[in-house]
PDB file of N, CA and C in Angstrom:
ATOM      1  N   ARG A   1       0.829  -1.197   0.000  1.00  0.00           N
ATOM      2  CA  ARG A   1       0.000   0.000   0.000  1.00  0.00           C
ATOM      3  C   ARG A   1       0.866   1.250   0.000  1.00  0.00           C
ATOM      4  N   SER A   2       1.836   1.283   0.862  1.00  0.00           N
ATOM      5  CA  SER A   2       2.632   2.504   0.986  1.00  0.00           C
ATOM      6  C   SER A   2       3.409   2.835  -0.282  1.00  0.00           C
ATOM      7  N   GLN A   3       3.627   1.845  -1.144  1.00  0.00           N
ATOM      8  CA  GLN A   3       4.399   2.084  -2.363  1.00  0.00           C
ATOM      9  C   GLN A   3       3.691   3.058  -3.301  1.00  0.00           C
ATOM     10  N   TYR A   4       2.374   2.954  -3.430  1.00  0.00           N
ATOM     11  CA  TYR A   4       1.637   3.769  -4.392  1.00  0.00           C
ATOM     12  C   TYR A   4       0.655   4.744  -3.749  1.00  0.00           C
ATOM     13  N   ASP A   5       0.512   4.698  -2.450  1.00  0.00           N
ATOM     14  CA  ASP A   5      -0.518   5.471  -1.754  1.00  0.00           C
ATOM     15  C   ASP A   5      -0.446   6.964  -2.072  1.00  0.00           C
ATOM     16  N   LYS A   6       0.706   7.567  -1.936  1.00  0.00           N
ATOM     17  CA  LYS A   6       0.851   9.012  -2.153  1.00  0.00           C
ATOM     18  C   LYS A   6       0.529   9.383  -3.601  1.00  0.00           C
ATOM     19  N   GLU A   7       1.036   8.603  -4.545  1.00  0.00           N
ATOM     20  CA  GLU A   7       0.807   8.877  -5.966  1.00  0.00           C
ATOM     21  C   GLU A   7      -0.678   8.763  -6.319  1.00  0.00           C
ATOM     22  N   VAL A   8      -1.321   7.722  -5.841  1.00  0.00           N
ATOM     23  CA  VAL A   8      -2.740   7.507  -6.155  1.00  0.00           C
ATOM     24  C   VAL A   8      -3.604   8.580  -5.512  1.00  0.00           C
ATOM     25  N   LEU A   9      -3.363   8.891  -4.258  1.00  0.00           N
ATOM     26  CA  LEU A   9      -4.161   9.916  -3.582  1.00  0.00           C
ATOM     27  C   LEU A   9      -3.986  11.279  -4.237  1.00  0.00           C
ATOM     28  N   SER A  10      -2.790  11.579  -4.698  1.00  0.00           N
ATOM     29  CA  SER A  10      -2.543  12.833  -5.400  1.00  0.00           C
ATOM     30  C   SER A  10      -3.335  12.879  -6.704  1.00  0.00           C
ATOM     31  N   TRP A  11      -3.303  11.791  -7.470  1.00  0.00           N
ATOM     32  CA  TRP A  11      -4.042  11.737  -8.739  1.00  0.00           C
ATOM     33  C   TRP A  11      -5.543  11.880  -8.495  1.00  0.00           C
ATOM     34  N   LEU A  12      -6.049  11.210  -7.480  1.00  0.00           N
ATOM     35  CA  LEU A  12      -7.478  11.294  -7.173  1.00  0.00           C
ATOM     36  C   LEU A  12      -7.881  12.723  -6.828  1.00  0.00           C
ATOM     37  N   ALA A  13      -7.088  13.402  -6.020  1.00  0.00           N
ATOM     38  CA  ALA A  13      -7.391  14.787  -5.642  1.00  0.00           C
ATOM     39  C   ALA A  13      -7.357  15.704  -6.861  1.00  0.00           C
ATOM     40  N   GLU A  14      -6.368  15.526  -7.734  1.00  0.00           N
ATOM     41  CA  GLU A  14      -6.246  16.359  -8.936  1.00  0.00           C
ATOM     42  C   GLU A  14      -7.396  16.137  -9.918  1.00  0.00           C
ATOM     43  N   ASN A  15      -8.031  14.993  -9.836  1.00  0.00           N
ATOM     44  CA  ASN A  15      -9.093  14.649 -10.777  1.00  0.00           C
ATOM     45  C   ASN A  15     -10.485  14.709 -10.153  1.00  0.00           C
ATOM     46  N   GLY A  16     -10.605  15.401  -9.028  1.00  0.00           N
ATOM     47  CA  GLY A  16     -11.908  15.700  -8.463  1.00  0.00           C
ATOM     48  C   GLY A  16     -12.527  14.643  -7.569  1.00  0.00           C
ATOM     49  N   PHE A  17     -11.765  13.641  -7.174  1.00  0.00           N
ATOM     50  CA  PHE A  17     -12.307  12.614  -6.286  1.00  0.00           C
ATOM     51  C   PHE A  17     -12.119  13.049  -4.837  1.00  0.00           C
ATOM     52  N   THR A  18     -12.834  14.118  -4.466  1.00  0.00           N
ATOM     53  CA  THR A  18     -12.653  14.705  -3.143  1.00  0.00           C
ATOM     54  C   THR A  18     -13.963  14.886  -2.388  1.00  0.00           C
ATOM     55  N   HIS A  19     -15.068  14.540  -2.998  1.00  0.00           N
ATOM     56  CA  HIS A  19     -16.376  14.733  -2.375  1.00  0.00           C
ATOM     57  C   HIS A  19     -16.768  13.513  -1.550  1.00  0.00           C
ATOM     58  N   PHE A  20     -17.711  13.687  -0.656  1.00  0.00           N
ATOM     59  CA  PHE A  20     -18.115  12.587   0.209  1.00  0.00           C
ATOM     60  C   PHE A  20     -18.605  11.379  -0.585  1.00  0.00           C
ATOM     61  N   TYR A  21     -19.141  11.598  -1.769  1.00  0.00           N
ATOM     62  CA  TYR A  21     -19.705  10.495  -2.555  1.00  0.00           C
ATOM     63  C   TYR A  21     -18.698   9.824  -3.483  1.00  0.00           C
ATOM     64  N   ASN A  22     -17.490  10.381  -3.634  1.00  0.00           N
ATOM     65  CA  ASN A  22     -16.524   9.730  -4.519  1.00  0.00           C
ATOM     66  C   ASN A  22     -15.090   9.759  -3.982  1.00  0.00           C
ATOM     67  N   LYS A  23     -14.927  10.113  -2.718  1.00  0.00           N
ATOM     68  CA  LYS A  23     -13.571  10.145  -2.171  1.00  0.00           C
ATOM     69  C   LYS A  23     -13.074   8.713  -1.941  1.00  0.00           C
ATOM     70  N   PRO A  24     -11.765   8.530  -1.938  1.00  0.00           N
ATOM     71  CA  PRO A  24     -11.218   7.179  -1.776  1.00  0.00           C
ATOM     72  C   PRO A  24     -11.487   6.620  -0.383  1.00  0.00           C
ATOM     73  N   VAL A  25     -11.703   5.321  -0.347  1.00  0.00           N
ATOM     74  CA  VAL A  25     -11.919   4.610   0.909  1.00  0.00           C
ATOM     75  C   VAL A  25     -10.904   3.471   0.970  1.00  0.00           C
ATOM     76  N   ALA A  26     -10.113   3.440   2.009  1.00  0.00           N
ATOM     77  CA  ALA A  26      -9.110   2.381   2.145  1.00  0.00           C
ATOM     78  C   ALA A  26      -9.796   1.045   2.395  1.00  0.00           C
ATOM     79  N   THR A  27      -9.340   0.026   1.704  1.00  0.00           N
ATOM     80  CA  THR A  27      -9.864  -1.327   1.899  1.00  0.00           C
ATOM     81  C   THR A  27      -8.698  -2.286   2.089  1.00  0.00           C
ATOM     82  N   VAL A  28      -8.970  -3.373   2.762  1.00  0.00           N
ATOM     83  CA  VAL A  28      -7.945  -4.380   3.010  1.00  0.00           C
ATOM     84  C   VAL A  28      -8.073  -5.483   1.966  1.00  0.00           C
ATOM     85  N   GLN A  29      -6.972  -5.802   1.328  1.00  0.00           N
ATOM     86  CA  GLN A  29      -6.920  -6.931   0.400  1.00  0.00           C
ATOM     87  C   GLN A  29      -5.707  -7.761   0.782  1.00  0.00           C
ATOM     88  N   ASN A  30      -5.965  -8.974   1.226  1.00  0.00           N
ATOM     89  CA  ASN A  30      -4.858  -9.836   1.630  1.00  0.00           C
ATOM     90  C   ASN A  30      -5.102 -11.255   1.132  1.00  0.00           C
ATOM     91  N   GLU A  31      -4.291 -12.185   1.604  1.00  0.00           N
ATOM     92  CA  GLU A  31      -4.397 -13.563   1.124  1.00  0.00           C
ATOM     93  C   GLU A  31      -5.705 -14.246   1.531  1.00  0.00           C
ATOM     94  N   LYS A  32      -6.458 -13.675   2.448  1.00  0.00           N
ATOM     95  CA  LYS A  32      -7.733 -14.256   2.863  1.00  0.00           C
ATOM     96  C   LYS A  32      -8.897 -13.821   1.973  1.00  0.00           C
ATOM     97  N   CYS A  33      -8.655 -12.871   1.074  1.00  0.00           N
ATOM     98  CA  CYS A  33      -9.700 -12.411   0.160  1.00  0.00           C
ATOM     99  C   CYS A  33     -10.015 -13.501  -0.856  1.00  0.00           C
ATOM    100  N   LEU A  34     -11.284 -13.710  -1.114  1.00  0.00           N
ATOM    101  CA  LEU A  34     -11.719 -14.702  -2.091  1.00  0.00           C
ATOM    102  C   LEU A  34     -12.264 -13.987  -3.312  1.00  0.00           C
ATOM    103  N   TYR A  35     -11.837 -14.416  -4.480  1.00  0.00           N
ATOM    104  CA  TYR A  35     -12.274 -13.821  -5.730  1.00  0.00           C
ATOM    105  C   TYR A  35     -12.858 -14.908  -6.620  1.00  0.00           C
ATOM    106  N   PRO A  36     -13.908 -14.592  -7.367  1.00  0.00           N
ATOM    107  CA  PRO A  36     -14.468 -15.589  -8.287  1.00  0.00           C
ATOM    108  C   PRO A  36     -13.487 -15.858  -9.421  1.00  0.00           C
ATOM    109  N   ASP A  37     -13.645 -17.019 -10.060  1.00  0.00           N
ATOM    110  CA  ASP A  37     -12.819 -17.323 -11.223  1.00  0.00           C
ATOM    111  C   ASP A  37     -13.041 -16.269 -12.286  1.00  0.00           C
ATOM    112  N   LYS A  38     -11.962 -15.886 -12.929  1.00  0.00           N
ATOM    113  CA  LYS A  38     -12.052 -14.873 -13.976  1.00  0.00           C
ATOM    114  C   LYS A  38     -12.752 -15.475 -15.188  1.00  0.00           C
ATOM    115  N   LYS A  39     -13.790 -14.811 -15.636  1.00  0.00           N
ATOM    116  CA  LYS A  39     -14.531 -15.260 -16.806  1.00  0.00           C
ATOM    117  C   LYS A  39     -13.972 -14.571 -18.037  1.00  0.00           C
ATOM    118  N   SER A  40     -13.854 -15.309 -19.090  1.00  0.00           N
ATOM    119  CA  SER A  40     -13.365 -14.753 -20.340  1.00  0.00           C
ATOM    120  C   SER A  40     -14.505 -14.050 -21.057  1.00  0.00           C
ATOM    121  N   SER A  41     -14.208 -12.920 -21.676  1.00  0.00           N
ATOM    122  CA  SER A  41     -15.225 -12.231 -22.468  1.00  0.00           C
ATOM    123  C   SER A  41     -15.342 -12.877 -23.845  1.00  0.00           C
ATOM    124  N   TYR A  42     -14.435 -13.788 -24.150  1.00  0.00           N
ATOM    125  CA  TYR A  42     -14.451 -14.502 -25.426  1.00  0.00           C
ATOM    126  C   TYR A  42     -15.468 -15.632 -25.359  1.00  0.00           C
ATOM    127  N   GLN A  43     -16.302 -15.742 -26.353  1.00  0.00           N
ATOM    128  CA  GLN A  43     -17.276 -16.826 -26.425  1.00  0.00           C
ATOM    129  C   GLN A  43     -17.123 -17.498 -27.790  1.00  0.00           C
ATOM    130  N   PRO A  44     -16.828 -18.799 -27.811  1.00  0.00           N
ATOM    131  CA  PRO A  44     -16.686 -19.486 -29.095  1.00  0.00           C
ATOM    132  C   PRO A  44     -17.954 -19.372 -29.934  1.00  0.00           C
ATOM    133  N   LEU A  45     -17.790 -19.294 -31.237  1.00  0.00           N
ATOM    134  CA  LEU A  45     -18.918 -19.142 -32.150  1.00  0.00           C
ATOM    135  C   LEU A  45     -19.916 -20.283 -31.990  1.00  0.00           C
ATOM    136  N   GLY A  46     -19.433 -21.493 -31.786  1.00  0.00           N
ATOM    137  CA  GLY A  46     -20.322 -22.642 -31.607  1.00  0.00           C
ATOM    138  C   GLY A  46     -21.244 -22.462 -30.413  1.00  0.00           C
ATOM    139  N   ASP A  47     -20.718 -21.960 -29.307  1.00  0.00           N
ATOM    140  CA  ASP A  47     -21.546 -21.721 -28.119  1.00  0.00           C
ATOM    141  C   ASP A  47     -22.587 -20.644 -28.394  1.00  0.00           C
ATOM    142  N   LEU A  48     -22.200 -19.613 -29.119  1.00  0.00           N
ATOM    143  CA  LEU A  48     -23.118 -18.532 -29.449  1.00  0.00           C
ATOM    144  C   LEU A  48     -24.260 -19.047 -30.318  1.00  0.00           C
ATOM    145  N   LEU A  49     -23.942 -19.884 -31.290  1.00  0.00           N
ATOM    146  CA  LEU A  49     -24.969 -20.411 -32.196  1.00  0.00           C
ATOM    147  C   LEU A  49     -25.921 -21.367 -31.487  1.00  0.00           C
ATOM    148  N   LYS A  50     -25.445 -22.095 -30.487  1.00  0.00           N
ATOM    149  CA  LYS A  50     -26.295 -23.021 -29.729  1.00  0.00           C
ATOM    150  C   LYS A  50     -27.361 -22.273 -28.936  1.00  0.00           C
ATOM    151  N   GLN A  51     -27.089 -21.035 -28.538  1.00  0.00           N
ATOM    152  CA  GLN A  51     -28.028 -20.251 -27.734  1.00  0.00           C
ATOM    153  C   GLN A  51     -29.214 -19.782 -28.548  1.00  0.00           C
ATOM    154  N   LYS A  52     -29.083 -19.713 -29.862  1.00  0.00           N
ATOM    155  CA  LYS A  52     -30.150 -19.155 -30.696  1.00  0.00           C
ATOM    156  C   LYS A  52     -31.078 -20.211 -31.201  1.00  0.00           C
TER     157      LYS A  52
END
């Protein structure tokens, strides 16, 4: 976090992210965080044709 914190907060302030509805909120992301499998935006043509 500390590596990019100052740079990111500076960019956010310069670009108007300073209001209560869009200001940055610190969140914790560590090895205990669970993420869904990444879905590909690519869909084979055969799969697309089967849907119709």
